[in-house]
Structure formats: structure tokens, C-alpha cells
Amino acid sequence: MVTEGYAPGGQARGRPPAAAQRGRGTRRRGTGGRSWTGWRFVAPFMAVFALVFLAPIGYSIYLSLYRTQLIGGTAFVGLDNYLKALQDPQFWSAFARVALFLVVQVPIMLFLALLVALAIDSGRLYGAAFFRISVFLPYAVPAVVATLMWGFMYGTRFGLIGNLNEAFGWSLPDPLSPDLILASIGNIVTWEFVGYNMLILYSALRVVSPSLYEAAEIDGAGQFRIIWSIKLPALRGALVIATIFSIIGSFQLFNEPSILKALAPNSITTYFTPNLYAYSLSFAGQQFNYSAAVAIIMGVITMIIAYIVQLRGMRKAV
């Protein structure tokens, strides 16, 4: 018969102390408790997230797989709506328009935001706080109000352009003409979001250690050298974020053309942008299923392009 040995202190060898056993049991129960407590905290967010984000996407996908007809009712058609959208010239015309808008407007807007952020961060700008608020203030103006304001200024018969032509005898081009309407919308969007992007970039500049600037000045570096070697590398992550937000906003372009359509009906068609096209299909054409397919395709394209930009930007940052 094998008996347990005892340590000098009278404690059995081979068996952990009772306090240690109780401690391990407590830790196991505590770990389980913390796990469920975390899920309880996350549960309200997950419920709201599923209700306002996942459920609409799931319902849109469901709608896109059906087709409602006058004769025969609603029938399951699979991917027919997606194939129809990929062969729709109006959809691709709208997509090409917003792609051109993105390629031209986004770099201009981010460049202006970068210049303003660098000017404010330089410390050589008088009234920097007032200037920062003034640049950011247009972002606080609702898009509807901003578009109406600029739309009436664009008017050649009732707005600022018309008043200038009448007062000075000029013949300024019509900003609401078909050839200039996209540039006019780009001007509105730039005016609205330069301050927003400026705030992102300026916040990134504020976290740069002042010791870097002091070391650069000791080494004799000028302002342009400091901007190129210290500030721009520090802004790389913020520029990637601002670019992604701008790409998403460009593909979601809707408010400005839909409001200006009443002022320029000959320049803005029902398929001027993909979102406007989906809206027209759904509420004017009663083609809910096809509209859902167009929206899903645009969502996937936007997600892919934004992911590629993020991947390339972060890879360069590394």
C-alpha cells in the first residue's frame, strides 16, 4: 500500500494546498464570469447593429433576387437583376461620372485640406483658431442648405452669375449647363468637406512630438524640409483615412445632384449618379428589385476600392 509522504511542514506531497485549489476554482469561475459580462456589454450594440445595418443589407439582397411583374406577381429570378445591371449602359454611365468626379475632385479637396492644416500647424498664422473654425464651419451647414445656396448663386437669370453678367456686361458661362454641372457639384462638395478633412489632418499633426521639430531646427532644416521629412510622413495614416472617406462619399453622391435637378433639369438626368439612378428606379419606376441590385453592386464596388486604397496606403506606411 502506497502512502503519501509529508513535507517538513506537515503538508502532503503530491497534493496542492487547499488554498491553491480554491484559488484555481475561483479563477476559472471568474474567467467565465468576465466572458459573459463582456457579451452583456456588447449585446445592446450588436442588437442595434444587426437591426440598423445587417437587416437592411440582408433585406436588400433578398429583394435583389426577385422580380415583381404585372403578370405573374413576384418571382424568384436569382442573379438576373445583377446581370441586367452589369449590362445596363445607364448604370455604367452613372458609374463613370462619379469615377471621374472622384479622380478630379478628391485630390483637389485633400490638397486644399492639407495646405490649410499645414498653415494652421505652422504657428505663423495670425488668428489660427478663428481661421480653423471658419474653414470647418461649412461642414456644419446641412448639405441641402449648401446645395440650395450655391444653386441660386449659380443661376444666370436670378443668381450671382446673372447679376454679374448684368452689372458688368459680361457673358460668364452657365455653371448649371451640362458641360459644367459636374464641376459645379465638385465645387459645392469641396466647399463642404475641406474643413472636415482639414480637421483630420490637423489632429494628426498635433500628436507629432515637438522634440522632432527642435532636433530638425538644430540640424539647420528649413520649413519645407520639416514638412517633407517630418509632417508628411506623420500624415500618411490620416491621409489614407481621409481618402477612404472621400471615396465612399463620392460613390454615395446623391444630395447635390438631386437638389440641383430642379434648377438644371436638362443637365441632371435620372441616372446622373448610381445612387440617383437607384432612387429613380425605386420610387419613380417602381422597380424595387432592380434598384436593390444596383445598390448592392455599388456597395461591393465601393468596398473593394476602399479596401485597395487602405491596403496600399498602409503597406506604404510600413
C-alpha atoms as a PDB file:
ATOM      1  CA  MET A   1       0.000   0.000   0.000  1.00  0.00           C
ATOM      2  CA  VAL A   2       1.428   3.337  -1.093  1.00  0.00           C
ATOM      3  CA  THR A   3       1.092   6.162   1.329  1.00  0.00           C
ATOM      4  CA  GLU A   4       1.536   9.824   0.722  1.00  0.00           C
ATOM      5  CA  GLY A   5       4.697  11.456   2.006  1.00  0.00           C
ATOM      6  CA  TYR A   6       4.751  14.587   4.024  1.00  0.00           C
ATOM      7  CA  ALA A   7       6.884  17.649   3.658  1.00  0.00           C
ATOM      8  CA  PRO A   8       8.748  19.035   6.680  1.00  0.00           C
ATOM      9  CA  GLY A   9       5.940  21.485   7.292  1.00  0.00           C
ATOM     10  CA  GLY A  10       3.429  18.681   7.614  1.00  0.00           C
ATOM     11  CA  GLN A  11       1.939  19.254   4.131  1.00  0.00           C
ATOM     12  CA  ALA A  12       1.223  16.292   1.889  1.00  0.00           C
ATOM     13  CA  ARG A  13       3.466  15.938  -1.190  1.00  0.00           C
ATOM     14  CA  GLY A  14       1.661  15.324  -4.487  1.00  0.00           C
ATOM     15  CA  ARG A  15      -1.472  17.201  -3.460  1.00  0.00           C
ATOM     16  CA  PRO A  16      -1.707  21.004  -3.936  1.00  0.00           C
ATOM     17  CA  PRO A  17      -2.637  23.108  -0.912  1.00  0.00           C
ATOM     18  CA  ALA A  18      -6.342  23.615  -0.296  1.00  0.00           C
ATOM     19  CA  ALA A  19      -5.951  27.395  -0.703  1.00  0.00           C
ATOM     20  CA  ALA A  20      -4.365  26.883  -4.138  1.00  0.00           C
ATOM     21  CA  GLN A  21      -7.219  24.587  -5.164  1.00  0.00           C
ATOM     22  CA  ARG A  22      -9.750  27.159  -4.059  1.00  0.00           C
ATOM     23  CA  GLY A  23      -7.806  29.876  -5.930  1.00  0.00           C
ATOM     24  CA  ARG A  24      -7.818  27.906  -9.173  1.00  0.00           C
ATOM     25  CA  GLY A  25     -11.524  27.258  -8.896  1.00  0.00           C
ATOM     26  CA  THR A  26     -12.156  30.909  -8.234  1.00  0.00           C
ATOM     27  CA  ARG A  27     -10.066  31.940 -11.247  1.00  0.00           C
ATOM     28  CA  ARG A  28     -11.950  29.531 -13.513  1.00  0.00           C
ATOM     29  CA  ARG A  29     -15.280  30.839 -12.348  1.00  0.00           C
ATOM     30  CA  GLY A  30     -14.021  34.429 -12.595  1.00  0.00           C
ATOM     31  CA  THR A  31     -12.851  33.920 -16.181  1.00  0.00           C
ATOM     32  CA  GLY A  32     -16.225  32.566 -17.187  1.00  0.00           C
ATOM     33  CA  GLY A  33     -17.964  35.430 -15.433  1.00  0.00           C
ATOM     34  CA  ARG A  34     -15.864  38.061 -17.165  1.00  0.00           C
ATOM     35  CA  SER A  35     -16.551  36.450 -20.546  1.00  0.00           C
ATOM     36  CA  TRP A  36     -20.319  36.595 -20.117  1.00  0.00           C
ATOM     37  CA  THR A  37     -20.093  40.088 -18.652  1.00  0.00           C
ATOM     38  CA  GLY A  38     -18.312  41.292 -21.766  1.00  0.00           C
ATOM     39  CA  TRP A  39     -21.001  39.824 -24.012  1.00  0.00           C
ATOM     40  CA  ARG A  40     -23.666  41.517 -21.912  1.00  0.00           C
ATOM     41  CA  PHE A  41     -21.994  44.875 -22.514  1.00  0.00           C
ATOM     42  CA  VAL A  42     -21.653  44.198 -26.257  1.00  0.00           C
ATOM     43  CA  ALA A  43     -25.168  42.797 -26.668  1.00  0.00           C
ATOM     44  CA  PRO A  44     -27.003  46.165 -26.933  1.00  0.00           C
ATOM     45  CA  PHE A  45     -24.612  47.380 -29.638  1.00  0.00           C
ATOM     46  CA  MET A  46     -24.831  44.076 -31.512  1.00  0.00           C
ATOM     47  CA  ALA A  47     -28.633  44.222 -31.405  1.00  0.00           C
ATOM     48  CA  VAL A  48     -28.727  47.787 -32.759  1.00  0.00           C
ATOM     49  CA  PHE A  49     -26.023  46.942 -35.332  1.00  0.00           C
ATOM     50  CA  ALA A  50     -27.995  43.958 -36.574  1.00  0.00           C
ATOM     51  CA  LEU A  51     -31.220  45.965 -36.677  1.00  0.00           C
ATOM     52  CA  VAL A  52     -29.996  49.084 -38.494  1.00  0.00           C
ATOM     53  CA  PHE A  53     -27.140  47.649 -40.592  1.00  0.00           C
ATOM     54  CA  LEU A  54     -27.259  43.896 -41.165  1.00  0.00           C
ATOM     55  CA  ALA A  55     -31.040  43.614 -41.501  1.00  0.00           C
ATOM     56  CA  PRO A  56     -31.375  46.284 -44.270  1.00  0.00           C
ATOM     57  CA  ILE A  57     -28.480  44.728 -46.199  1.00  0.00           C
ATOM     58  CA  GLY A  58     -29.989  41.276 -45.879  1.00  0.00           C
ATOM     59  CA  TYR A  59     -33.390  42.548 -46.973  1.00  0.00           C
ATOM     60  CA  SER A  60     -31.834  44.350 -49.958  1.00  0.00           C
ATOM     61  CA  ILE A  61     -30.094  41.165 -51.035  1.00  0.00           C
ATOM     62  CA  TYR A  62     -33.390  39.323 -50.658  1.00  0.00           C
ATOM     63  CA  LEU A  63     -35.199  41.893 -52.813  1.00  0.00           C
ATOM     64  CA  SER A  64     -32.499  41.777 -55.483  1.00  0.00           C
ATOM     65  CA  LEU A  65     -33.115  38.069 -56.060  1.00  0.00           C
ATOM     66  CA  TYR A  66     -36.763  38.595 -57.045  1.00  0.00           C
ATOM     67  CA  ARG A  67     -38.663  40.437 -59.740  1.00  0.00           C
ATOM     68  CA  THR A  68     -42.154  41.867 -59.446  1.00  0.00           C
ATOM     69  CA  GLN A  69     -44.188  41.781 -62.662  1.00  0.00           C
ATOM     70  CA  LEU A  70     -47.667  42.958 -63.530  1.00  0.00           C
ATOM     71  CA  ILE A  71     -48.498  39.497 -64.756  1.00  0.00           C
ATOM     72  CA  GLY A  72     -47.321  36.673 -62.579  1.00  0.00           C
ATOM     73  CA  GLY A  73     -46.539  38.661 -59.450  1.00  0.00           C
ATOM     74  CA  THR A  74     -43.236  38.322 -57.654  1.00  0.00           C
ATOM     75  CA  ALA A  75     -40.974  35.553 -58.884  1.00  0.00           C
ATOM     76  CA  PHE A  76     -37.526  34.362 -57.901  1.00  0.00           C
ATOM     77  CA  VAL A  77     -35.021  35.227 -60.651  1.00  0.00           C
ATOM     78  CA  GLY A  78     -31.695  34.565 -58.933  1.00  0.00           C
ATOM     79  CA  LEU A  79     -28.898  36.733 -60.303  1.00  0.00           C
ATOM     80  CA  ASP A  80     -30.825  38.064 -63.304  1.00  0.00           C
ATOM     81  CA  ASN A  81     -31.111  41.536 -61.810  1.00  0.00           C
ATOM     82  CA  TYR A  82     -27.360  41.676 -61.262  1.00  0.00           C
ATOM     83  CA  LEU A  83     -26.641  40.524 -64.817  1.00  0.00           C
ATOM     84  CA  LYS A  84     -29.073  43.132 -66.115  1.00  0.00           C
ATOM     85  CA  ALA A  85     -27.357  45.880 -64.094  1.00  0.00           C
ATOM     86  CA  LEU A  86     -23.905  44.856 -65.341  1.00  0.00           C
ATOM     87  CA  GLN A  87     -25.184  45.221 -68.913  1.00  0.00           C
ATOM     88  CA  ASP A  88     -27.084  48.456 -68.274  1.00  0.00           C
ATOM     89  CA  PRO A  89     -25.465  51.398 -70.142  1.00  0.00           C
ATOM     90  CA  GLN A  90     -27.196  53.928 -67.872  1.00  0.00           C
ATOM     91  CA  PHE A  91     -25.677  52.322 -64.797  1.00  0.00           C
ATOM     92  CA  TRP A  92     -22.186  52.367 -66.292  1.00  0.00           C
ATOM     93  CA  SER A  93     -22.669  55.943 -67.464  1.00  0.00           C
ATOM     94  CA  ALA A  94     -23.540  56.948 -63.896  1.00  0.00           C
ATOM     95  CA  PHE A  95     -20.590  54.979 -62.532  1.00  0.00           C
ATOM     96  CA  ALA A  96     -18.162  56.588 -64.992  1.00  0.00           C
ATOM     97  CA  ARG A  97     -19.452  60.023 -63.980  1.00  0.00           C
ATOM     98  CA  VAL A  98     -18.831  59.503 -60.270  1.00  0.00           C
ATOM     99  CA  ALA A  99     -15.479  57.866 -61.029  1.00  0.00           C
ATOM    100  CA  LEU A 100     -14.433  60.985 -62.930  1.00  0.00           C
ATOM    101  CA  PHE A 101     -15.746  63.088 -60.068  1.00  0.00           C
ATOM    102  CA  LEU A 102     -13.646  61.068 -57.624  1.00  0.00           C
ATOM    103  CA  VAL A 103     -10.439  61.244 -59.652  1.00  0.00           C
ATOM    104  CA  VAL A 104     -10.642  65.037 -60.081  1.00  0.00           C
ATOM    105  CA  GLN A 105     -12.421  66.362 -57.003  1.00  0.00           C
ATOM    106  CA  VAL A 106     -10.929  64.222 -54.222  1.00  0.00           C
ATOM    107  CA  PRO A 107      -7.248  65.119 -54.883  1.00  0.00           C
ATOM    108  CA  ILE A 108      -8.125  68.827 -55.120  1.00  0.00           C
ATOM    109  CA  MET A 109     -10.108  68.718 -51.879  1.00  0.00           C
ATOM    110  CA  LEU A 110      -7.448  66.787 -49.964  1.00  0.00           C
ATOM    111  CA  PHE A 111      -4.693  69.064 -51.280  1.00  0.00           C
ATOM    112  CA  LEU A 112      -6.559  72.151 -50.064  1.00  0.00           C
ATOM    113  CA  ALA A 113      -7.241  70.488 -46.705  1.00  0.00           C
ATOM    114  CA  LEU A 114      -3.544  69.617 -46.424  1.00  0.00           C
ATOM    115  CA  LEU A 115      -2.473  73.195 -47.158  1.00  0.00           C
ATOM    116  CA  VAL A 116      -4.869  74.575 -44.556  1.00  0.00           C
ATOM    117  CA  ALA A 117      -3.781  72.036 -41.929  1.00  0.00           C
ATOM    118  CA  LEU A 118      -0.118  72.795 -42.509  1.00  0.00           C
ATOM    119  CA  ALA A 119      -0.763  76.551 -42.379  1.00  0.00           C
ATOM    120  CA  ILE A 120      -2.599  76.290 -39.061  1.00  0.00           C
ATOM    121  CA  ASP A 121       0.005  73.942 -37.571  1.00  0.00           C
ATOM    122  CA  SER A 122       2.912  76.171 -38.616  1.00  0.00           C
ATOM    123  CA  GLY A 123       2.217  78.613 -35.778  1.00  0.00           C
ATOM    124  CA  ARG A 124       2.860  81.560 -38.071  1.00  0.00           C
ATOM    125  CA  LEU A 125      -0.769  82.190 -38.987  1.00  0.00           C
ATOM    126  CA  TYR A 126      -2.427  85.060 -37.130  1.00  0.00           C
ATOM    127  CA  GLY A 127      -5.862  84.197 -35.812  1.00  0.00           C
ATOM    128  CA  ALA A 128      -5.303  80.467 -36.361  1.00  0.00           C
ATOM    129  CA  ALA A 129      -8.225  79.454 -34.127  1.00  0.00           C
ATOM    130  CA  PHE A 130     -10.662  81.739 -35.950  1.00  0.00           C
ATOM    131  CA  PHE A 131      -9.329  80.583 -39.320  1.00  0.00           C
ATOM    132  CA  ARG A 132      -9.719  76.922 -38.311  1.00  0.00           C
ATOM    133  CA  ILE A 133     -13.330  77.450 -37.245  1.00  0.00           C
ATOM    134  CA  SER A 134     -14.087  79.421 -40.401  1.00  0.00           C
ATOM    135  CA  VAL A 135     -12.777  76.640 -42.637  1.00  0.00           C
ATOM    136  CA  PHE A 136     -14.626  73.961 -40.679  1.00  0.00           C
ATOM    137  CA  LEU A 137     -17.900  75.906 -40.496  1.00  0.00           C
ATOM    138  CA  PRO A 138     -19.216  74.897 -43.982  1.00  0.00           C
ATOM    139  CA  TYR A 139     -19.222  71.274 -42.819  1.00  0.00           C
ATOM    140  CA  ALA A 140     -21.797  72.256 -40.184  1.00  0.00           C
ATOM    141  CA  VAL A 141     -24.117  73.574 -42.901  1.00  0.00           C
ATOM    142  CA  PRO A 142     -26.605  70.865 -43.979  1.00  0.00           C
ATOM    143  CA  ALA A 143     -25.969  69.562 -47.486  1.00  0.00           C
ATOM    144  CA  VAL A 144     -29.453  70.583 -48.594  1.00  0.00           C
ATOM    145  CA  VAL A 145     -28.937  74.185 -47.477  1.00  0.00           C
ATOM    146  CA  ALA A 146     -25.451  74.360 -49.001  1.00  0.00           C
ATOM    147  CA  THR A 147     -26.653  73.000 -52.340  1.00  0.00           C
ATOM    148  CA  LEU A 148     -29.595  75.398 -52.494  1.00  0.00           C
ATOM    149  CA  MET A 149     -27.338  78.317 -51.611  1.00  0.00           C
ATOM    150  CA  TRP A 150     -24.791  77.501 -54.302  1.00  0.00           C
ATOM    151  CA  GLY A 151     -27.506  76.584 -56.782  1.00  0.00           C
ATOM    152  CA  PHE A 152     -29.078  80.023 -56.540  1.00  0.00           C
ATOM    153  CA  MET A 153     -25.662  81.670 -56.824  1.00  0.00           C
ATOM    154  CA  TYR A 154     -25.043  79.659 -59.985  1.00  0.00           C
ATOM    155  CA  GLY A 155     -28.241  80.948 -61.618  1.00  0.00           C
ATOM    156  CA  THR A 156     -27.710  83.044 -64.763  1.00  0.00           C
ATOM    157  CA  ARG A 157     -31.138  84.680 -64.538  1.00  0.00           C
ATOM    158  CA  PHE A 158     -31.685  85.083 -60.816  1.00  0.00           C
ATOM    159  CA  GLY A 159     -28.369  84.420 -59.064  1.00  0.00           C
ATOM    160  CA  LEU A 160     -24.884  85.794 -58.617  1.00  0.00           C
ATOM    161  CA  ILE A 161     -23.736  84.825 -62.107  1.00  0.00           C
ATOM    162  CA  GLY A 162     -26.730  86.576 -63.644  1.00  0.00           C
ATOM    163  CA  ASN A 163     -26.171  89.693 -61.522  1.00  0.00           C
ATOM    164  CA  LEU A 164     -22.511  89.880 -62.535  1.00  0.00           C
ATOM    165  CA  ASN A 165     -23.392  89.481 -66.201  1.00  0.00           C
ATOM    166  CA  GLU A 166     -25.985  92.224 -65.951  1.00  0.00           C
ATOM    167  CA  ALA A 167     -23.869  94.633 -63.892  1.00  0.00           C
ATOM    168  CA  PHE A 168     -20.637  94.418 -65.896  1.00  0.00           C
ATOM    169  CA  GLY A 169     -21.945  93.313 -69.267  1.00  0.00           C
ATOM    170  CA  TRP A 170     -20.119  90.030 -69.015  1.00  0.00           C
ATOM    171  CA  SER A 171     -21.088  86.712 -70.520  1.00  0.00           C
ATOM    172  CA  LEU A 172     -19.954  84.236 -67.902  1.00  0.00           C
ATOM    173  CA  PRO A 173     -20.628  80.571 -68.690  1.00  0.00           C
ATOM    174  CA  ASP A 174     -23.590  78.905 -67.040  1.00  0.00           C
ATOM    175  CA  PRO A 175     -22.357  76.708 -64.148  1.00  0.00           C
ATOM    176  CA  LEU A 176     -25.569  74.661 -64.427  1.00  0.00           C
ATOM    177  CA  SER A 177     -25.000  73.766 -68.068  1.00  0.00           C
ATOM    178  CA  PRO A 178     -24.440  70.098 -68.981  1.00  0.00           C
ATOM    179  CA  ASP A 179     -20.737  70.708 -69.599  1.00  0.00           C
ATOM    180  CA  LEU A 180     -20.092  72.392 -66.233  1.00  0.00           C
ATOM    181  CA  ILE A 181     -22.626  70.803 -63.898  1.00  0.00           C
ATOM    182  CA  LEU A 182     -20.205  68.141 -62.612  1.00  0.00           C
ATOM    183  CA  ALA A 183     -17.555  70.769 -61.862  1.00  0.00           C
ATOM    184  CA  SER A 184     -20.180  72.898 -60.116  1.00  0.00           C
ATOM    185  CA  ILE A 185     -21.165  69.963 -57.905  1.00  0.00           C
ATOM    186  CA  GLY A 186     -17.486  69.336 -57.206  1.00  0.00           C
ATOM    187  CA  ASN A 187     -17.126  72.935 -56.064  1.00  0.00           C
ATOM    188  CA  ILE A 188     -20.033  72.508 -53.634  1.00  0.00           C
ATOM    189  CA  VAL A 189     -18.675  69.254 -52.210  1.00  0.00           C
ATOM    190  CA  THR A 190     -15.184  70.726 -51.876  1.00  0.00           C
ATOM    191  CA  TRP A 191     -16.551  73.756 -50.045  1.00  0.00           C
ATOM    192  CA  GLU A 192     -18.451  71.475 -47.678  1.00  0.00           C
ATOM    193  CA  PHE A 193     -15.735  68.948 -46.827  1.00  0.00           C
ATOM    194  CA  VAL A 194     -12.403  70.769 -46.933  1.00  0.00           C
ATOM    195  CA  GLY A 195     -12.849  71.697 -43.270  1.00  0.00           C
ATOM    196  CA  TYR A 196     -13.766  68.140 -42.302  1.00  0.00           C
ATOM    197  CA  ASN A 197     -10.635  66.692 -43.903  1.00  0.00           C
ATOM    198  CA  MET A 198      -8.558  69.565 -42.565  1.00  0.00           C
ATOM    199  CA  LEU A 199      -9.582  68.620 -39.031  1.00  0.00           C
ATOM    200  CA  ILE A 200      -8.491  65.003 -39.597  1.00  0.00           C
ATOM    201  CA  LEU A 201      -5.085  66.094 -40.888  1.00  0.00           C
ATOM    202  CA  TYR A 202      -4.609  68.794 -38.277  1.00  0.00           C
ATOM    203  CA  SER A 203      -5.376  66.317 -35.480  1.00  0.00           C
ATOM    204  CA  ALA A 204      -2.662  64.018 -36.828  1.00  0.00           C
ATOM    205  CA  LEU A 205      -0.166  66.883 -36.863  1.00  0.00           C
ATOM    206  CA  ARG A 206      -0.898  67.761 -33.239  1.00  0.00           C
ATOM    207  CA  VAL A 207       0.360  64.388 -31.990  1.00  0.00           C
ATOM    208  CA  VAL A 208       3.822  64.822 -33.557  1.00  0.00           C
ATOM    209  CA  SER A 209       6.427  65.215 -30.823  1.00  0.00           C
ATOM    210  CA  PRO A 210       7.827  68.780 -30.605  1.00  0.00           C
ATOM    211  CA  SER A 211      11.271  67.266 -29.986  1.00  0.00           C
ATOM    212  CA  LEU A 212      11.393  66.233 -33.647  1.00  0.00           C
ATOM    213  CA  TYR A 213      10.927  69.827 -34.749  1.00  0.00           C
ATOM    214  CA  GLU A 214      13.550  71.019 -32.255  1.00  0.00           C
ATOM    215  CA  ALA A 215      16.066  68.439 -33.479  1.00  0.00           C
ATOM    216  CA  ALA A 216      15.400  69.407 -37.097  1.00  0.00           C
ATOM    217  CA  GLU A 217      15.909  73.097 -36.342  1.00  0.00           C
ATOM    218  CA  ILE A 218      19.170  72.335 -34.544  1.00  0.00           C
ATOM    219  CA  ASP A 219      20.348  70.460 -37.636  1.00  0.00           C
ATOM    220  CA  GLY A 220      19.517  73.518 -39.736  1.00  0.00           C
ATOM    221  CA  ALA A 221      16.431  72.151 -41.513  1.00  0.00           C
ATOM    222  CA  GLY A 222      14.099  74.713 -43.058  1.00  0.00           C
ATOM    223  CA  GLN A 223      10.321  74.707 -43.025  1.00  0.00           C
ATOM    224  CA  PHE A 224       9.995  72.860 -46.328  1.00  0.00           C
ATOM    225  CA  ARG A 225      12.419  70.206 -45.144  1.00  0.00           C
ATOM    226  CA  ILE A 226      10.473  69.781 -41.908  1.00  0.00           C
ATOM    227  CA  ILE A 227       7.228  69.445 -43.842  1.00  0.00           C
ATOM    228  CA  TRP A 228       8.695  66.911 -46.244  1.00  0.00           C
ATOM    229  CA  SER A 229      10.633  64.792 -43.741  1.00  0.00           C
ATOM    230  CA  ILE A 230       8.508  65.023 -40.588  1.00  0.00           C
ATOM    231  CA  LYS A 231       4.975  66.285 -41.182  1.00  0.00           C
ATOM    232  CA  LEU A 232       4.060  64.473 -44.385  1.00  0.00           C
ATOM    233  CA  PRO A 233       5.202  61.040 -43.105  1.00  0.00           C
ATOM    234  CA  ALA A 234       3.219  61.688 -39.922  1.00  0.00           C
ATOM    235  CA  LEU A 235       0.145  62.489 -42.027  1.00  0.00           C
ATOM    236  CA  ARG A 236       0.241  59.315 -44.105  1.00  0.00           C
ATOM    237  CA  GLY A 237      -2.245  57.370 -41.992  1.00  0.00           C
ATOM    238  CA  ALA A 238      -4.595  60.349 -41.706  1.00  0.00           C
ATOM    239  CA  LEU A 239      -4.418  60.893 -45.476  1.00  0.00           C
ATOM    240  CA  VAL A 240      -5.376  57.264 -46.049  1.00  0.00           C
ATOM    241  CA  ILE A 241      -8.393  57.639 -43.772  1.00  0.00           C
ATOM    242  CA  ALA A 242      -9.447  60.915 -45.402  1.00  0.00           C
ATOM    243  CA  THR A 243      -9.053  59.344 -48.857  1.00  0.00           C
ATOM    244  CA  ILE A 244     -11.204  56.361 -47.920  1.00  0.00           C
ATOM    245  CA  PHE A 245     -13.931  58.622 -46.523  1.00  0.00           C
ATOM    246  CA  SER A 246     -13.791  60.747 -49.676  1.00  0.00           C
ATOM    247  CA  ILE A 247     -14.038  57.704 -51.946  1.00  0.00           C
ATOM    248  CA  ILE A 248     -17.092  56.466 -50.082  1.00  0.00           C
ATOM    249  CA  GLY A 249     -18.643  59.929 -50.207  1.00  0.00           C
ATOM    250  CA  SER A 250     -18.010  60.241 -53.952  1.00  0.00           C
ATOM    251  CA  PHE A 251     -19.713  56.952 -54.761  1.00  0.00           C
ATOM    252  CA  GLN A 252     -22.598  57.952 -52.477  1.00  0.00           C
ATOM    253  CA  LEU A 253     -23.115  61.273 -54.284  1.00  0.00           C
ATOM    254  CA  PHE A 254     -26.842  61.963 -54.115  1.00  0.00           C
ATOM    255  CA  ASN A 255     -27.929  65.108 -52.257  1.00  0.00           C
ATOM    256  CA  GLU A 256     -26.289  67.678 -54.512  1.00  0.00           C
ATOM    257  CA  PRO A 257     -27.472  66.354 -57.903  1.00  0.00           C
ATOM    258  CA  SER A 258     -30.958  65.506 -56.639  1.00  0.00           C
ATOM    259  CA  ILE A 259     -31.456  69.071 -55.338  1.00  0.00           C
ATOM    260  CA  LEU A 260     -29.869  70.772 -58.348  1.00  0.00           C
ATOM    261  CA  LYS A 261     -32.054  68.705 -60.672  1.00  0.00           C
ATOM    262  CA  ALA A 262     -34.916  71.158 -60.151  1.00  0.00           C
ATOM    263  CA  LEU A 263     -32.645  74.061 -61.140  1.00  0.00           C
ATOM    264  CA  ALA A 264     -30.950  72.257 -64.028  1.00  0.00           C
ATOM    265  CA  PRO A 265     -33.371  69.636 -65.366  1.00  0.00           C
ATOM    266  CA  ASN A 266     -31.594  69.480 -68.726  1.00  0.00           C
ATOM    267  CA  SER A 267     -28.203  68.834 -67.151  1.00  0.00           C
ATOM    268  CA  ILE A 268     -29.005  66.232 -64.488  1.00  0.00           C
ATOM    269  CA  THR A 269     -30.693  63.064 -65.665  1.00  0.00           C
ATOM    270  CA  THR A 270     -32.338  60.384 -63.577  1.00  0.00           C
ATOM    271  CA  TYR A 271     -29.153  58.306 -63.910  1.00  0.00           C
ATOM    272  CA  PHE A 272     -26.683  61.107 -63.188  1.00  0.00           C
ATOM    273  CA  THR A 273     -25.145  59.093 -60.325  1.00  0.00           C
ATOM    274  CA  PRO A 274     -25.653  55.439 -59.319  1.00  0.00           C
ATOM    275  CA  ASN A 275     -27.483  56.427 -56.124  1.00  0.00           C
ATOM    276  CA  LEU A 276     -29.761  58.809 -58.011  1.00  0.00           C
ATOM    277  CA  TYR A 277     -30.379  56.061 -60.557  1.00  0.00           C
ATOM    278  CA  ALA A 278     -31.296  53.562 -57.830  1.00  0.00           C
ATOM    279  CA  TYR A 279     -33.590  56.137 -56.230  1.00  0.00           C
ATOM    280  CA  SER A 280     -35.327  56.867 -59.533  1.00  0.00           C
ATOM    281  CA  LEU A 281     -35.767  53.170 -60.264  1.00  0.00           C
ATOM    282  CA  SER A 282     -37.262  52.525 -56.860  1.00  0.00           C
ATOM    283  CA  PHE A 283     -39.561  55.498 -56.298  1.00  0.00           C
ATOM    284  CA  ALA A 284     -40.338  56.646 -59.838  1.00  0.00           C
ATOM    285  CA  GLY A 285     -40.095  53.426 -61.802  1.00  0.00           C
ATOM    286  CA  GLN A 286     -41.409  51.058 -59.102  1.00  0.00           C
ATOM    287  CA  GLN A 287     -38.525  48.681 -59.846  1.00  0.00           C
ATOM    288  CA  PHE A 288     -37.601  47.904 -56.261  1.00  0.00           C
ATOM    289  CA  ASN A 289     -35.865  44.631 -57.024  1.00  0.00           C
ATOM    290  CA  TYR A 290     -33.661  46.021 -59.773  1.00  0.00           C
ATOM    291  CA  SER A 291     -32.897  49.089 -57.656  1.00  0.00           C
ATOM    292  CA  ALA A 292     -31.740  46.842 -54.814  1.00  0.00           C
ATOM    293  CA  ALA A 293     -29.395  45.004 -57.190  1.00  0.00           C
ATOM    294  CA  VAL A 294     -27.887  48.311 -58.380  1.00  0.00           C
ATOM    295  CA  ALA A 295     -27.372  49.412 -54.771  1.00  0.00           C
ATOM    296  CA  ILE A 296     -25.719  46.112 -53.813  1.00  0.00           C
ATOM    297  CA  ILE A 297     -23.354  46.287 -56.799  1.00  0.00           C
ATOM    298  CA  MET A 298     -22.333  49.842 -55.918  1.00  0.00           C
ATOM    299  CA  GLY A 299     -21.794  48.839 -52.304  1.00  0.00           C
ATOM    300  CA  VAL A 300     -19.495  45.990 -53.335  1.00  0.00           C
ATOM    301  CA  ILE A 301     -17.543  48.194 -55.770  1.00  0.00           C
ATOM    302  CA  THR A 302     -17.122  50.905 -53.130  1.00  0.00           C
ATOM    303  CA  MET A 303     -15.966  48.369 -50.553  1.00  0.00           C
ATOM    304  CA  ILE A 304     -13.407  46.845 -52.929  1.00  0.00           C
ATOM    305  CA  ILE A 305     -11.931  50.193 -53.997  1.00  0.00           C
ATOM    306  CA  ALA A 306     -11.800  51.488 -50.419  1.00  0.00           C
ATOM    307  CA  TYR A 307     -10.094  48.278 -49.286  1.00  0.00           C
ATOM    308  CA  ILE A 308      -7.490  48.506 -52.068  1.00  0.00           C
ATOM    309  CA  VAL A 309      -6.711  52.114 -51.135  1.00  0.00           C
ATOM    310  CA  GLN A 310      -6.414  51.169 -47.463  1.00  0.00           C
ATOM    311  CA  LEU A 311      -4.198  48.174 -48.258  1.00  0.00           C
ATOM    312  CA  ARG A 312      -1.842  50.174 -50.458  1.00  0.00           C
ATOM    313  CA  GLY A 313      -1.744  53.125 -48.080  1.00  0.00           C
ATOM    314  CA  MET A 314      -0.932  51.028 -45.035  1.00  0.00           C
ATOM    315  CA  ARG A 315       1.633  49.000 -46.971  1.00  0.00           C
ATOM    316  CA  LYS A 316       3.450  52.183 -47.961  1.00  0.00           C
ATOM    317  CA  ALA A 317       3.252  53.333 -44.360  1.00  0.00           C
ATOM    318  CA  VAL A 318       5.054  50.159 -43.276  1.00  0.00           C
END
